[in-house]
Amino acid sequence: MSTSPEDTTEPDTAPDSSDSPDPAPRKSPSGEAFVSGVPAPAPAGLFGPETFSVAGLLLLATTVLSTELIAIFNQHTLTGATGTLSAPVQGQLTGAGLFSALAVVSAAVALTRATPTTRPWARHLAAATVLVGLLVVVLTVVSYVLLSP
């Protein structure tokens, strides 16, 4: 008896495709890309949605933590104090409005550049930055209106 691979072939026991229907193929994004020879999607890179969403968060954090926007707004709404739009207050409001508007634009760019392969945390962070940033922009505009003579 020969043990060479040519002589030890066994009869084909695979089921015929005409006998029974194939079950639904399982879809795996990484497996199908590998089997079909398609390269995996590349990361977004330096100017991807993740970068823009983090940049928007940093701009918004700068606005909320370094300006006295909330104190200025509270002083004129809760206590009813009246004041004028002095140069330091105008600078505070302008800076807060500018940085929050830049945060909203950066987060909106992140949302528009998002693809199905974008990490979910980047989309959630960008959406939250847009919402909070718009509230800060509205707060800045209302503060201008309350302080203007």
Protein backbone atom coordinates (compact mmCIF):
# COMPACT_ATOMS: atom_id res chain seq x y z
CA MET A 1 0.00 0.00 0.00
CA SER A 2 1.38 3.39 -0.98
CA THR A 3 1.30 6.35 1.41
CA SER A 4 1.97 9.08 -1.13
CA PRO A 5 -0.56 11.92 -1.29
CA GLU A 6 -1.60 10.97 -4.82
CA ASP A 7 -2.74 7.51 -3.76
CA THR A 8 -4.51 8.44 -0.55
CA THR A 9 -7.23 10.64 -1.95
CA GLU A 10 -10.60 10.08 -0.44
CA PRO A 11 -13.87 10.41 -2.28
CA ASP A 12 -15.52 13.81 -2.21
CA THR A 13 -17.98 13.85 0.69
CA ALA A 14 -18.98 17.50 0.42
CA PRO A 15 -22.71 18.01 -0.03
CA ASP A 16 -23.80 18.88 -3.53
CA SER A 17 -24.94 22.47 -3.87
CA SER A 18 -28.07 21.31 -5.66
CA ASP A 19 -29.18 19.13 -2.72
CA SER A 20 -29.82 21.83 -0.13
CA PRO A 21 -29.66 25.61 -0.12
CA ASP A 22 -26.65 27.21 1.53
CA PRO A 23 -27.30 28.95 4.80
CA ALA A 24 -27.02 32.72 4.79
CA PRO A 25 -23.35 33.70 4.81
CA ARG A 26 -22.13 35.50 7.91
CA LYS A 27 -20.85 38.97 7.26
CA SER A 28 -17.72 40.08 9.01
CA PRO A 29 -16.20 43.40 7.95
CA SER A 30 -12.64 42.35 8.64
CA GLY A 31 -13.03 38.78 7.38
CA GLU A 32 -14.63 39.67 4.07
CA ALA A 33 -12.07 42.35 3.37
CA PHE A 34 -9.29 39.86 3.97
CA VAL A 35 -10.85 37.06 1.93
CA SER A 36 -11.85 39.28 -0.98
CA GLY A 37 -8.47 40.99 -1.11
CA VAL A 38 -9.90 44.45 -0.48
CA PRO A 39 -7.69 46.58 1.77
CA ALA A 40 -9.14 47.50 5.13
CA PRO A 41 -10.34 51.10 5.48
CA ALA A 42 -7.48 53.36 6.44
CA PRO A 43 -7.69 55.51 9.55
CA ALA A 44 -8.90 59.04 8.93
CA GLY A 45 -5.52 60.60 9.58
CA LEU A 46 -4.57 63.98 10.93
CA PHE A 47 -7.62 65.87 9.65
CA GLY A 48 -10.21 63.21 10.43
CA PRO A 49 -13.46 63.60 12.34
CA GLU A 50 -11.81 62.50 15.57
CA THR A 51 -9.34 65.37 15.38
CA PHE A 52 -12.01 67.96 14.69
CA SER A 53 -14.26 66.71 17.49
CA VAL A 54 -11.42 66.86 20.05
CA ALA A 55 -10.44 70.33 18.78
CA GLY A 56 -14.03 71.49 19.23
CA LEU A 57 -14.08 70.16 22.77
CA LEU A 58 -10.83 71.96 23.62
CA LEU A 59 -12.12 75.24 22.18
CA LEU A 60 -15.35 74.90 24.14
CA ALA A 61 -13.51 74.02 27.34
CA THR A 62 -11.36 77.12 26.86
CA THR A 63 -14.48 79.22 26.56
CA VAL A 64 -16.29 77.79 29.55
CA LEU A 65 -13.30 77.62 31.90
CA SER A 66 -11.41 80.81 31.10
CA THR A 67 -14.06 83.46 30.56
CA GLU A 68 -16.52 84.98 32.99
CA LEU A 69 -19.42 84.64 30.60
CA ILE A 70 -21.66 82.85 33.07
CA ALA A 71 -20.86 85.34 35.83
CA ILE A 72 -21.62 88.27 33.54
CA PHE A 73 -24.89 86.68 32.44
CA ASN A 74 -25.92 85.81 36.00
CA GLN A 75 -25.10 89.27 37.27
CA HIS A 76 -27.60 90.84 34.90
CA THR A 77 -30.35 88.23 34.93
CA LEU A 78 -30.49 86.90 38.48
CA THR A 79 -29.56 89.99 40.47
CA GLY A 80 -30.99 92.53 38.07
CA ALA A 81 -27.89 94.68 38.22
CA THR A 82 -27.52 97.11 35.39
CA GLY A 83 -24.23 97.98 33.83
CA THR A 84 -22.58 99.19 30.73
CA LEU A 85 -20.63 97.35 28.13
CA SER A 86 -17.15 98.35 29.25
CA ALA A 87 -14.01 97.38 27.34
CA PRO A 88 -13.03 94.44 29.61
CA VAL A 89 -16.56 93.03 29.59
CA GLN A 90 -16.80 93.48 25.84
CA GLY A 91 -13.49 91.63 25.46
CA GLN A 92 -14.73 88.78 27.62
CA LEU A 93 -17.93 88.46 25.63
CA THR A 94 -16.16 88.73 22.27
CA GLY A 95 -13.64 86.06 23.24
CA ALA A 96 -16.31 83.73 24.55
CA GLY A 97 -18.45 84.18 21.46
CA LEU A 98 -15.53 83.70 19.09
CA PHE A 99 -14.16 80.58 20.75
CA SER A 100 -17.58 78.99 21.13
CA ALA A 101 -18.40 79.71 17.48
CA LEU A 102 -15.08 78.11 16.46
CA ALA A 103 -15.93 75.10 18.64
CA VAL A 104 -19.29 74.73 16.91
CA VAL A 105 -17.70 75.01 13.46
CA SER A 106 -15.01 72.47 14.34
CA ALA A 107 -17.54 69.99 15.71
CA ALA A 108 -19.81 70.51 12.69
CA VAL A 109 -16.87 69.74 10.39
CA ALA A 110 -16.29 66.55 12.40
CA LEU A 111 -19.91 65.53 11.90
CA THR A 112 -19.85 66.22 8.17
CA ARG A 113 -16.58 64.29 7.70
CA ALA A 114 -17.85 61.30 9.66
CA THR A 115 -18.15 58.02 7.78
CA PRO A 116 -19.45 54.61 8.85
CA THR A 117 -15.91 53.73 9.98
CA THR A 118 -15.69 56.77 12.28
CA ARG A 119 -15.43 55.87 15.93
CA PRO A 120 -18.73 56.39 17.77
CA TRP A 121 -17.15 58.47 20.55
CA ALA A 122 -16.06 61.04 17.95
CA ARG A 123 -19.60 61.47 16.68
CA HIS A 124 -21.04 61.73 20.18
CA LEU A 125 -18.39 64.22 21.26
CA ALA A 126 -18.94 66.36 18.17
CA ALA A 127 -22.72 66.36 18.61
CA ALA A 128 -22.43 67.33 22.28
CA THR A 129 -19.95 70.08 21.41
CA VAL A 130 -22.32 71.51 18.81
CA LEU A 131 -25.22 71.57 21.27
CA VAL A 132 -23.32 73.11 24.18
CA GLY A 133 -21.44 75.48 21.87
CA LEU A 134 -24.68 76.81 20.42
CA LEU A 135 -25.97 77.41 23.94
CA VAL A 136 -22.83 79.39 24.78
CA VAL A 137 -23.19 81.44 21.58
CA VAL A 138 -26.79 82.25 22.51
CA LEU A 139 -25.67 83.14 26.04
CA THR A 140 -23.07 85.53 24.62
CA VAL A 141 -25.56 87.23 22.33
CA VAL A 142 -28.10 87.61 25.15
CA SER A 143 -25.40 89.08 27.39
CA TYR A 144 -24.56 91.65 24.69
CA VAL A 145 -28.21 92.56 24.40
CA LEU A 146 -28.66 92.90 28.18
CA LEU A 147 -25.56 95.09 28.53
CA SER A 148 -26.12 97.36 25.57
CA PRO A 149 -27.58 100.77 26.45
